[in-house]
Amino acid sequence: MKDVILASNSPRRRELFDFLGVKYQIVTKDVSEVIDQGLLPEEQAMELAFRKAHAVFKENKDKIVLGFDTLVYTETEILGKPKDDEDARRMLRILSGTKHMVVTGTAILTKAVSHSFYSKTAVTFYPLTDEEIDKYIASKEPMDKAGAYAVQGYGARFVERIEGDYYTVMGMPVSRIYQEFKKLGIML
């Protein structure tokens, strides 16, 4: 099997990719995350995942490169990573007591393949008090997470229900990646 590169600095994605039992390296490049807001959230996640993978693939064309992007969205708004504490507070208030969607886009690039897909999961939060939100923000955990929470961290306390793939919410749909590798003939 060719060498695999994860175009992601996320410790969560490294931890999850380890489940596949594949040796890999981490290589990242800065890419613009400015995107056409007319695209559906699923399309945005796949486009951003492709940009991240392609930026690395351009200099590693003999490798298998994977890129990812995770978005949280409600019926009315896409929630990326919070800009500051106040933005995190705003996002958590929106999610409080409601169902929202988490979509992770994945791009797999090789010399022979350019393949993107998404995985989507519904998450319902319990109602949150302002005190809970303030305490969570003070932990700093929400600051680099789409939707201002980490389902695998302290944010798990707020989750009433998950409908779909848990690992999609963490940012890497492990079983779907495995299945896509099989379909593409990428042996693990």
N, C-alpha and C. Protein backbone atom coordinates (compact mmCIF):
# COMPACT_ATOMS: atom_id res chain seq x y z
N MET A 1 0.84 -1.19 0.00
CA MET A 1 0.00 0.00 0.00
C MET A 1 0.88 1.24 0.00
N LYS A 2 0.43 2.25 -0.72
CA LYS A 2 1.14 3.52 -0.75
C LYS A 2 1.11 4.18 0.63
N ASP A 3 2.01 5.13 0.80
CA ASP A 3 2.01 5.90 2.04
C ASP A 3 0.74 6.75 2.12
N VAL A 4 0.25 6.91 3.34
CA VAL A 4 -0.96 7.68 3.59
C VAL A 4 -0.60 8.96 4.33
N ILE A 5 -1.21 10.05 3.91
CA ILE A 5 -1.04 11.34 4.58
C ILE A 5 -2.39 11.83 5.04
N LEU A 6 -2.47 12.23 6.30
CA LEU A 6 -3.65 12.93 6.80
C LEU A 6 -3.36 14.42 6.71
N ALA A 7 -4.19 15.15 5.98
CA ALA A 7 -4.03 16.59 5.86
C ALA A 7 -4.84 17.25 6.97
N SER A 8 -4.47 16.94 8.21
CA SER A 8 -5.21 17.42 9.38
C SER A 8 -4.30 17.45 10.60
N ASN A 9 -4.41 18.53 11.36
CA ASN A 9 -3.67 18.63 12.62
C ASN A 9 -4.49 18.13 13.81
N SER A 10 -5.69 17.67 13.58
CA SER A 10 -6.59 17.30 14.67
C SER A 10 -6.11 16.06 15.41
N PRO A 11 -5.87 16.18 16.72
CA PRO A 11 -5.51 15.00 17.50
C PRO A 11 -6.63 13.96 17.51
N ARG A 12 -7.88 14.41 17.43
CA ARG A 12 -9.01 13.48 17.39
C ARG A 12 -8.97 12.65 16.12
N ARG A 13 -8.68 13.28 15.01
CA ARG A 13 -8.62 12.53 13.75
C ARG A 13 -7.46 11.54 13.75
N ARG A 14 -6.34 11.92 14.32
CA ARG A 14 -5.20 10.98 14.42
C ARG A 14 -5.62 9.76 15.24
N GLU A 15 -6.25 10.02 16.36
CA GLU A 15 -6.70 8.93 17.24
C GLU A 15 -7.66 8.00 16.51
N LEU A 16 -8.59 8.57 15.76
CA LEU A 16 -9.57 7.76 15.04
C LEU A 16 -8.94 7.01 13.87
N PHE A 17 -8.02 7.66 13.16
CA PHE A 17 -7.39 6.98 12.02
C PHE A 17 -6.57 5.79 12.49
N ASP A 18 -6.07 5.86 13.70
CA ASP A 18 -5.32 4.72 14.27
C ASP A 18 -6.18 3.46 14.30
N PHE A 19 -7.51 3.62 14.39
CA PHE A 19 -8.41 2.46 14.40
C PHE A 19 -8.30 1.64 13.12
N LEU A 20 -7.87 2.27 12.02
CA LEU A 20 -7.76 1.57 10.75
C LEU A 20 -6.48 0.75 10.64
N GLY A 21 -5.56 0.95 11.58
CA GLY A 21 -4.33 0.16 11.59
C GLY A 21 -3.39 0.45 10.44
N VAL A 22 -3.41 1.68 9.96
CA VAL A 22 -2.58 2.08 8.82
C VAL A 22 -1.54 3.08 9.29
N LYS A 23 -0.31 2.89 8.83
CA LYS A 23 0.73 3.89 9.12
C LYS A 23 0.46 5.12 8.26
N TYR A 24 0.70 6.28 8.85
CA TYR A 24 0.43 7.52 8.12
C TYR A 24 1.33 8.61 8.67
N GLN A 25 1.36 9.70 7.93
CA GLN A 25 2.04 10.89 8.43
C GLN A 25 1.08 12.07 8.35
N ILE A 26 1.40 13.11 9.07
CA ILE A 26 0.59 14.32 9.09
C ILE A 26 1.32 15.39 8.28
N VAL A 27 0.63 15.94 7.29
CA VAL A 27 1.14 17.07 6.52
C VAL A 27 -0.04 18.00 6.31
N THR A 28 0.14 19.26 6.64
CA THR A 28 -0.95 20.22 6.44
C THR A 28 -0.44 21.45 5.70
N LYS A 29 -1.35 22.10 5.05
CA LYS A 29 -1.11 23.37 4.37
C LYS A 29 -2.27 24.29 4.72
N ASP A 30 -1.98 25.57 4.80
CA ASP A 30 -3.05 26.53 5.02
C ASP A 30 -3.87 26.68 3.74
N VAL A 31 -5.17 26.68 3.89
CA VAL A 31 -6.06 26.90 2.75
C VAL A 31 -7.14 27.90 3.15
N SER A 32 -7.67 28.56 2.16
CA SER A 32 -8.77 29.49 2.41
C SER A 32 -10.02 28.70 2.79
N GLU A 33 -10.66 29.14 3.86
CA GLU A 33 -11.92 28.51 4.24
C GLU A 33 -13.11 29.40 3.90
N VAL A 34 -12.83 30.43 3.09
CA VAL A 34 -13.92 31.26 2.58
C VAL A 34 -14.62 30.44 1.50
N ILE A 35 -15.92 30.30 1.62
CA ILE A 35 -16.64 29.39 0.73
C ILE A 35 -17.98 30.00 0.32
N ASP A 36 -18.46 29.59 -0.82
CA ASP A 36 -19.74 30.03 -1.35
C ASP A 36 -20.85 29.62 -0.38
N GLN A 37 -21.49 30.60 0.22
CA GLN A 37 -22.54 30.32 1.19
C GLN A 37 -23.82 29.80 0.53
N GLY A 38 -23.85 29.81 -0.80
CA GLY A 38 -24.98 29.26 -1.52
C GLY A 38 -24.94 27.74 -1.59
N LEU A 39 -23.79 27.16 -1.26
CA LEU A 39 -23.66 25.70 -1.26
C LEU A 39 -24.36 25.12 -0.03
N LEU A 40 -24.88 23.92 -0.18
CA LEU A 40 -25.44 23.20 0.97
C LEU A 40 -24.32 22.88 1.96
N PRO A 41 -24.64 22.69 3.24
CA PRO A 41 -23.59 22.36 4.22
C PRO A 41 -22.77 21.13 3.81
N GLU A 42 -23.43 20.12 3.25
CA GLU A 42 -22.72 18.91 2.82
C GLU A 42 -21.70 19.24 1.73
N GLU A 43 -22.11 20.11 0.80
CA GLU A 43 -21.22 20.53 -0.29
C GLU A 43 -20.06 21.36 0.25
N GLN A 44 -20.35 22.24 1.20
CA GLN A 44 -19.29 23.05 1.81
C GLN A 44 -18.26 22.16 2.49
N ALA A 45 -18.72 21.18 3.27
CA ALA A 45 -17.80 20.29 3.98
C ALA A 45 -16.93 19.51 3.00
N MET A 46 -17.53 19.01 1.92
CA MET A 46 -16.74 18.26 0.93
C MET A 46 -15.75 19.17 0.20
N GLU A 47 -16.18 20.38 -0.13
CA GLU A 47 -15.29 21.32 -0.82
C GLU A 47 -14.09 21.68 0.05
N LEU A 48 -14.34 21.98 1.31
CA LEU A 48 -13.23 22.34 2.21
C LEU A 48 -12.32 21.14 2.47
N ALA A 49 -12.89 19.95 2.58
CA ALA A 49 -12.07 18.74 2.74
C ALA A 49 -11.18 18.55 1.51
N PHE A 50 -11.76 18.76 0.32
CA PHE A 50 -10.98 18.63 -0.92
C PHE A 50 -9.85 19.66 -0.96
N ARG A 51 -10.14 20.91 -0.62
CA ARG A 51 -9.09 21.95 -0.63
C ARG A 51 -7.92 21.55 0.27
N LYS A 52 -8.24 21.06 1.46
CA LYS A 52 -7.19 20.68 2.41
C LYS A 52 -6.36 19.52 1.87
N ALA A 53 -7.03 18.53 1.30
CA ALA A 53 -6.31 17.37 0.75
C ALA A 53 -5.50 17.78 -0.48
N HIS A 54 -6.10 18.57 -1.36
CA HIS A 54 -5.43 18.94 -2.61
C HIS A 54 -4.19 19.79 -2.36
N ALA A 55 -4.25 20.69 -1.38
CA ALA A 55 -3.09 21.53 -1.07
C ALA A 55 -1.88 20.67 -0.70
N VAL A 56 -2.11 19.56 -0.03
CA VAL A 56 -1.04 18.64 0.36
C VAL A 56 -0.68 17.71 -0.80
N PHE A 57 -1.70 17.25 -1.53
CA PHE A 57 -1.49 16.30 -2.63
C PHE A 57 -0.59 16.88 -3.72
N LYS A 58 -0.69 18.19 -3.97
CA LYS A 58 0.11 18.82 -5.03
C LYS A 58 1.60 18.54 -4.87
N GLU A 59 2.05 18.36 -3.63
CA GLU A 59 3.47 18.10 -3.36
C GLU A 59 3.72 16.65 -2.96
N ASN A 60 2.70 15.81 -3.02
CA ASN A 60 2.82 14.40 -2.59
C ASN A 60 1.99 13.50 -3.51
N LYS A 61 2.22 13.60 -4.80
CA LYS A 61 1.36 12.91 -5.78
C LYS A 61 1.52 11.40 -5.80
N ASP A 62 2.52 10.89 -5.13
CA ASP A 62 2.70 9.43 -5.06
C ASP A 62 2.07 8.85 -3.80
N LYS A 63 1.34 9.65 -3.05
CA LYS A 63 0.76 9.23 -1.77
C LYS A 63 -0.77 9.20 -1.85
N ILE A 64 -1.37 8.62 -0.84
CA ILE A 64 -2.82 8.70 -0.62
C ILE A 64 -3.03 9.81 0.40
N VAL A 65 -3.76 10.85 0.02
CA VAL A 65 -3.96 12.01 0.89
C VAL A 65 -5.44 12.12 1.27
N LEU A 66 -5.69 12.27 2.55
CA LEU A 66 -7.05 12.45 3.05
C LEU A 66 -7.20 13.82 3.69
N GLY A 67 -8.27 14.50 3.33
CA GLY A 67 -8.61 15.78 3.95
C GLY A 67 -10.01 15.70 4.54
N PHE A 68 -10.26 16.53 5.54
CA PHE A 68 -11.53 16.49 6.27
C PHE A 68 -12.01 17.90 6.60
N ASP A 69 -13.31 18.03 6.73
CA ASP A 69 -13.87 19.25 7.29
C ASP A 69 -15.20 18.90 7.95
N THR A 70 -15.41 19.44 9.13
CA THR A 70 -16.64 19.18 9.88
C THR A 70 -17.39 20.49 10.12
N LEU A 71 -18.68 20.45 9.85
CA LEU A 71 -19.55 21.60 10.07
C LEU A 71 -20.73 21.18 10.94
N VAL A 72 -21.20 22.10 11.73
CA VAL A 72 -22.42 21.91 12.51
C VAL A 72 -23.44 22.89 11.94
N TYR A 73 -24.67 22.43 11.74
CA TYR A 73 -25.66 23.37 11.24
C TYR A 73 -27.05 23.10 11.80
N THR A 74 -27.81 24.17 11.84
CA THR A 74 -29.21 24.13 12.26
C THR A 74 -30.06 24.39 11.01
N GLU A 75 -31.34 24.54 11.19
CA GLU A 75 -32.21 24.84 10.05
C GLU A 75 -31.90 26.20 9.44
N THR A 76 -31.27 27.08 10.22
CA THR A 76 -31.08 28.45 9.74
C THR A 76 -29.63 28.91 9.64
N GLU A 77 -28.68 28.14 10.18
CA GLU A 77 -27.31 28.66 10.26
C GLU A 77 -26.27 27.54 10.28
N ILE A 78 -25.15 27.82 9.60
CA ILE A 78 -24.00 26.93 9.68
C ILE A 78 -23.08 27.48 10.77
N LEU A 79 -22.67 26.59 11.69
CA LEU A 79 -21.83 27.00 12.81
C LEU A 79 -20.44 26.39 12.62
N GLY A 80 -19.47 27.24 12.34
CA GLY A 80 -18.09 26.77 12.24
C GLY A 80 -17.45 26.82 13.61
N LYS A 81 -16.15 27.10 13.63
CA LYS A 81 -15.44 27.26 14.90
C LYS A 81 -15.71 28.66 15.44
N PRO A 82 -15.91 28.79 16.73
CA PRO A 82 -16.19 30.12 17.28
C PRO A 82 -14.99 31.05 17.16
N LYS A 83 -15.29 32.33 16.91
CA LYS A 83 -14.23 33.34 16.78
C LYS A 83 -13.68 33.75 18.14
N ASP A 84 -14.55 33.72 19.15
CA ASP A 84 -14.16 34.15 20.50
C ASP A 84 -15.18 33.58 21.49
N ASP A 85 -15.01 33.93 22.76
CA ASP A 85 -15.91 33.41 23.79
C ASP A 85 -17.37 33.77 23.53
N GLU A 86 -17.60 35.00 23.11
CA GLU A 86 -18.98 35.44 22.88
C GLU A 86 -19.63 34.67 21.73
N ASP A 87 -18.85 34.38 20.70
CA ASP A 87 -19.36 33.60 19.58
C ASP A 87 -19.67 32.16 20.03
N ALA A 88 -18.81 31.60 20.87
CA ALA A 88 -19.06 30.26 21.42
C ALA A 88 -20.35 30.26 22.24
N ARG A 89 -20.53 31.29 23.05
CA ARG A 89 -21.74 31.41 23.87
C ARG A 89 -22.98 31.47 22.97
N ARG A 90 -22.90 32.27 21.91
CA ARG A 90 -24.02 32.39 20.97
C ARG A 90 -24.36 31.03 20.36
N MET A 91 -23.33 30.30 19.93
CA MET A 91 -23.55 28.99 19.31
C MET A 91 -24.18 28.00 20.29
N LEU A 92 -23.66 27.95 21.49
CA LEU A 92 -24.18 27.00 22.48
C LEU A 92 -25.62 27.33 22.86
N ARG A 93 -25.96 28.61 22.87
CA ARG A 93 -27.36 28.99 23.14
C ARG A 93 -28.27 28.53 22.00
N ILE A 94 -27.77 28.63 20.77
CA ILE A 94 -28.55 28.15 19.62
C ILE A 94 -28.79 26.65 19.72
N LEU A 95 -27.76 25.90 20.12
CA LEU A 95 -27.85 24.44 20.17
C LEU A 95 -28.62 23.93 21.39
N SER A 96 -28.71 24.74 22.43
CA SER A 96 -29.36 24.35 23.67
C SER A 96 -30.79 23.87 23.44
N GLY A 97 -31.07 22.63 23.86
CA GLY A 97 -32.42 22.09 23.80
C GLY A 97 -32.93 21.78 22.40
N THR A 98 -32.04 21.73 21.42
CA THR A 98 -32.48 21.51 20.04
C THR A 98 -31.69 20.39 19.36
N LYS A 99 -32.22 19.99 18.21
CA LYS A 99 -31.54 19.02 17.35
C LYS A 99 -30.78 19.81 16.28
N HIS A 100 -29.57 19.37 16.00
CA HIS A 100 -28.78 19.96 14.92
C HIS A 100 -28.08 18.86 14.15
N MET A 101 -27.48 19.21 13.06
CA MET A 101 -26.79 18.24 12.22
C MET A 101 -25.29 18.51 12.26
N VAL A 102 -24.52 17.42 12.20
CA VAL A 102 -23.07 17.51 12.07
C VAL A 102 -22.71 16.77 10.79
N VAL A 103 -22.00 17.44 9.91
CA VAL A 103 -21.58 16.81 8.66
C VAL A 103 -20.05 16.87 8.58
N THR A 104 -19.45 15.73 8.26
CA THR A 104 -18.01 15.67 8.01
C THR A 104 -17.79 15.30 6.56
N GLY A 105 -17.11 16.20 5.85
CA GLY A 105 -16.70 15.93 4.48
C GLY A 105 -15.34 15.28 4.49
N THR A 106 -15.14 14.32 3.58
CA THR A 106 -13.86 13.63 3.46
C THR A 106 -13.46 13.63 1.99
N ALA A 107 -12.19 13.90 1.73
CA ALA A 107 -11.64 13.81 0.37
C ALA A 107 -10.49 12.82 0.40
N ILE A 108 -10.48 11.91 -0.57
CA ILE A 108 -9.40 10.94 -0.74
C ILE A 108 -8.79 11.19 -2.11
N LEU A 109 -7.51 11.53 -2.13
CA LEU A 109 -6.82 11.82 -3.39
C LEU A 109 -5.64 10.88 -3.58
N THR A 110 -5.56 10.29 -4.77
CA THR A 110 -4.40 9.51 -5.21
C THR A 110 -4.14 9.90 -6.66
N LYS A 111 -3.10 9.33 -7.26
CA LYS A 111 -2.86 9.60 -8.68
C LYS A 111 -4.07 9.19 -9.51
N ALA A 112 -4.74 8.12 -9.11
CA ALA A 112 -5.83 7.56 -9.91
C ALA A 112 -7.22 8.01 -9.46
N VAL A 113 -7.33 8.56 -8.26
CA VAL A 113 -8.66 8.81 -7.67
C VAL A 113 -8.73 10.20 -7.05
N SER A 114 -9.85 10.86 -7.30
CA SER A 114 -10.22 12.07 -6.57
C SER A 114 -11.66 11.83 -6.12
N HIS A 115 -11.82 11.48 -4.85
CA HIS A 115 -13.12 11.03 -4.36
C HIS A 115 -13.48 11.80 -3.09
N SER A 116 -14.67 12.40 -3.10
CA SER A 116 -15.16 13.12 -1.92
C SER A 116 -16.52 12.57 -1.53
N PHE A 117 -16.79 12.57 -0.24
CA PHE A 117 -18.09 12.14 0.26
C PHE A 117 -18.33 12.82 1.60
N TYR A 118 -19.55 12.68 2.09
CA TYR A 118 -19.85 13.23 3.41
C TYR A 118 -20.61 12.20 4.23
N SER A 119 -20.54 12.39 5.53
CA SER A 119 -21.31 11.60 6.48
C SER A 119 -22.02 12.59 7.40
N LYS A 120 -23.29 12.32 7.69
CA LYS A 120 -24.10 13.28 8.44
C LYS A 120 -24.75 12.59 9.63
N THR A 121 -24.76 13.27 10.77
CA THR A 121 -25.32 12.73 12.00
C THR A 121 -26.14 13.81 12.70
N ALA A 122 -27.28 13.42 13.26
CA ALA A 122 -28.12 14.34 14.02
C ALA A 122 -27.76 14.24 15.50
N VAL A 123 -27.63 15.40 16.14
CA VAL A 123 -27.31 15.47 17.57
C VAL A 123 -28.36 16.36 18.25
N THR A 124 -28.88 15.90 19.37
CA THR A 124 -29.83 16.69 20.15
C THR A 124 -29.19 17.03 21.49
N PHE A 125 -29.24 18.31 21.84
CA PHE A 125 -28.71 18.78 23.12
C PHE A 125 -29.84 18.90 24.14
N TYR A 126 -29.50 18.63 25.40
CA TYR A 126 -30.38 19.00 26.50
C TYR A 126 -30.39 20.53 26.59
N PRO A 127 -31.40 21.11 27.23
CA PRO A 127 -31.36 22.55 27.48
C PRO A 127 -30.17 22.89 28.39
N LEU A 128 -29.48 23.97 28.06
CA LEU A 128 -28.30 24.40 28.83
C LEU A 128 -28.60 25.69 29.57
N THR A 129 -28.10 25.79 30.78
CA THR A 129 -28.21 27.04 31.53
C THR A 129 -27.05 27.95 31.13
N ASP A 130 -27.20 29.24 31.39
CA ASP A 130 -26.10 30.17 31.12
C ASP A 130 -24.88 29.81 31.95
N GLU A 131 -25.11 29.33 33.16
CA GLU A 131 -24.00 28.92 34.02
C GLU A 131 -23.22 27.74 33.41
N GLU A 132 -23.95 26.77 32.88
CA GLU A 132 -23.28 25.63 32.23
C GLU A 132 -22.47 26.10 31.02
N ILE A 133 -23.07 26.98 30.24
CA ILE A 133 -22.38 27.49 29.05
C ILE A 133 -21.13 28.25 29.44
N ASP A 134 -21.23 29.14 30.44
CA ASP A 134 -20.07 29.93 30.87
C ASP A 134 -18.96 29.04 31.41
N LYS A 135 -19.32 28.03 32.18
CA LYS A 135 -18.33 27.11 32.74
C LYS A 135 -17.63 26.34 31.61
N TYR A 136 -18.41 25.91 30.63
CA TYR A 136 -17.84 25.17 29.50
C TYR A 136 -16.89 26.05 28.69
N ILE A 137 -17.29 27.27 28.43
CA ILE A 137 -16.43 28.19 27.68
C ILE A 137 -15.15 28.47 28.45
N ALA A 138 -15.24 28.59 29.77
CA ALA A 138 -14.04 28.82 30.60
C ALA A 138 -13.04 27.68 30.48
N SER A 139 -13.52 26.48 30.14
CA SER A 139 -12.61 25.34 29.97
C SER A 139 -11.77 25.46 28.70
N LYS A 140 -12.18 26.35 27.79
CA LYS A 140 -11.52 26.58 26.49
C LYS A 140 -11.72 25.44 25.50
N GLU A 141 -12.37 24.35 25.91
CA GLU A 141 -12.59 23.23 24.99
C GLU A 141 -13.37 23.63 23.73
N PRO A 142 -14.36 24.51 23.83
CA PRO A 142 -15.16 24.80 22.64
C PRO A 142 -14.44 25.59 21.56
N MET A 143 -13.31 26.18 21.87
CA MET A 143 -12.75 27.22 21.01
C MET A 143 -12.24 26.75 19.65
N ASP A 144 -11.86 25.51 19.49
CA ASP A 144 -11.38 25.07 18.17
C ASP A 144 -12.27 23.97 17.60
N LYS A 145 -13.54 23.99 17.98
CA LYS A 145 -14.47 22.94 17.57
C LYS A 145 -15.64 23.53 16.79
N ALA A 146 -16.00 22.89 15.70
CA ALA A 146 -17.20 23.29 14.97
C ALA A 146 -18.40 23.20 15.90
N GLY A 147 -19.21 24.26 15.91
CA GLY A 147 -20.38 24.27 16.78
C GLY A 147 -20.07 24.53 18.23
N ALA A 148 -18.80 24.76 18.56
CA ALA A 148 -18.35 25.12 19.91
C ALA A 148 -18.51 24.01 20.93
N TYR A 149 -18.40 22.73 20.49
CA TYR A 149 -18.41 21.66 21.48
C TYR A 149 -17.65 20.44 20.97
N ALA A 150 -17.16 19.66 21.94
CA ALA A 150 -16.47 18.41 21.65
C ALA A 150 -17.29 17.27 22.23
N VAL A 151 -17.86 16.44 21.36
CA VAL A 151 -18.71 15.35 21.81
C VAL A 151 -17.92 14.33 22.63
N GLN A 152 -16.62 14.24 22.39
CA GLN A 152 -15.78 13.26 23.09
C GLN A 152 -15.17 13.86 24.36
N GLY A 153 -15.49 15.10 24.65
CA GLY A 153 -14.94 15.77 25.83
C GLY A 153 -16.05 16.18 26.79
N TYR A 154 -15.84 17.32 27.43
CA TYR A 154 -16.83 17.82 28.39
C TYR A 154 -18.18 18.09 27.72
N GLY A 155 -18.14 18.37 26.43
CA GLY A 155 -19.38 18.62 25.69
C GLY A 155 -20.33 17.43 25.69
N ALA A 156 -19.82 16.25 25.97
CA ALA A 156 -20.66 15.04 26.01
C ALA A 156 -21.78 15.18 27.04
N ARG A 157 -21.56 16.00 28.06
CA ARG A 157 -22.57 16.18 29.11
C ARG A 157 -23.85 16.80 28.58
N PHE A 158 -23.76 17.47 27.45
CA PHE A 158 -24.91 18.20 26.91
C PHE A 158 -25.73 17.39 25.91
N VAL A 159 -25.21 16.24 25.50
CA VAL A 159 -25.83 15.46 24.42
C VAL A 159 -26.92 14.54 24.96
N GLU A 160 -28.13 14.78 24.49
CA GLU A 160 -29.26 13.93 24.85
C GLU A 160 -29.34 12.71 23.93
N ARG A 161 -29.09 12.93 22.63
CA ARG A 161 -29.26 11.84 21.67
C ARG A 161 -28.35 12.06 20.45
N ILE A 162 -27.84 10.95 19.92
CA ILE A 162 -27.10 10.97 18.66
C ILE A 162 -27.78 9.98 17.72
N GLU A 163 -28.13 10.46 16.54
CA GLU A 163 -28.76 9.60 15.53
C GLU A 163 -27.82 9.53 14.33
N GLY A 164 -27.08 8.44 14.25
CA GLY A 164 -26.11 8.30 13.17
C GLY A 164 -24.76 7.90 13.74
N ASP A 165 -23.73 8.19 12.99
CA ASP A 165 -22.37 7.77 13.32
C ASP A 165 -21.69 8.72 14.31
N TYR A 166 -21.37 8.20 15.47
CA TYR A 166 -20.71 9.00 16.51
C TYR A 166 -19.40 9.60 16.00
N TYR A 167 -18.63 8.81 15.25
CA TYR A 167 -17.32 9.28 14.80
C TYR A 167 -17.41 10.41 13.78
N THR A 168 -18.54 10.51 13.08
CA THR A 168 -18.76 11.66 12.21
C THR A 168 -18.76 12.94 13.04
N VAL A 169 -19.37 12.88 14.22
CA VAL A 169 -19.43 14.05 15.09
C VAL A 169 -18.03 14.41 15.59
N MET A 170 -17.18 13.41 15.77
CA MET A 170 -15.79 13.66 16.20
C MET A 170 -14.93 14.18 15.05
N GLY A 171 -15.40 14.04 13.81
CA GLY A 171 -14.65 14.60 12.68
C GLY A 171 -14.04 13.60 11.73
N MET A 172 -14.31 12.30 11.91
CA MET A 172 -13.80 11.30 10.97
C MET A 172 -14.68 10.06 11.01
N PRO A 173 -15.49 9.86 9.97
CA PRO A 173 -16.36 8.67 9.92
C PRO A 173 -15.55 7.42 9.60
N VAL A 174 -15.00 6.80 10.60
CA VAL A 174 -14.02 5.71 10.45
C VAL A 174 -14.54 4.57 9.58
N SER A 175 -15.71 4.05 9.90
CA SER A 175 -16.21 2.89 9.15
C SER A 175 -16.51 3.26 7.70
N ARG A 176 -17.00 4.46 7.47
CA ARG A 176 -17.27 4.90 6.09
C ARG A 176 -15.97 5.02 5.31
N ILE A 177 -14.92 5.54 5.93
CA ILE A 177 -13.63 5.64 5.25
C ILE A 177 -13.13 4.24 4.89
N TYR A 178 -13.25 3.32 5.81
CA TYR A 178 -12.84 1.94 5.55
C TYR A 178 -13.61 1.37 4.35
N GLN A 179 -14.92 1.58 4.33
CA GLN A 179 -15.74 1.08 3.22
C GLN A 179 -15.37 1.76 1.90
N GLU A 180 -15.11 3.06 1.94
CA GLU A 180 -14.72 3.78 0.72
C GLU A 180 -13.36 3.28 0.22
N PHE A 181 -12.42 3.04 1.12
CA PHE A 181 -11.13 2.48 0.72
C PHE A 181 -11.34 1.15 0.00
N LYS A 182 -12.21 0.30 0.55
CA LYS A 182 -12.47 -1.00 -0.09
C LYS A 182 -13.06 -0.81 -1.49
N LYS A 183 -14.03 0.09 -1.62
CA LYS A 183 -14.64 0.34 -2.93
C LYS A 183 -13.63 0.85 -3.94
N LEU A 184 -12.70 1.68 -3.48
CA LEU A 184 -11.70 2.28 -4.36
C LEU A 184 -10.52 1.35 -4.63
N GLY A 185 -10.51 0.20 -3.97
CA GLY A 185 -9.40 -0.74 -4.17
C GLY A 185 -8.14 -0.35 -3.42
N ILE A 186 -8.30 0.50 -2.42
CA ILE A 186 -7.16 0.88 -1.57
C ILE A 186 -7.11 -0.13 -0.44
N MET A 187 -6.11 -0.97 -0.46
CA MET A 187 -6.04 -2.06 0.51
C MET A 187 -5.48 -1.56 1.84
N LEU A 188 -6.12 -1.98 2.90
CA LEU A 188 -5.66 -1.61 4.24
C LEU A 188 -5.04 -2.81 4.92
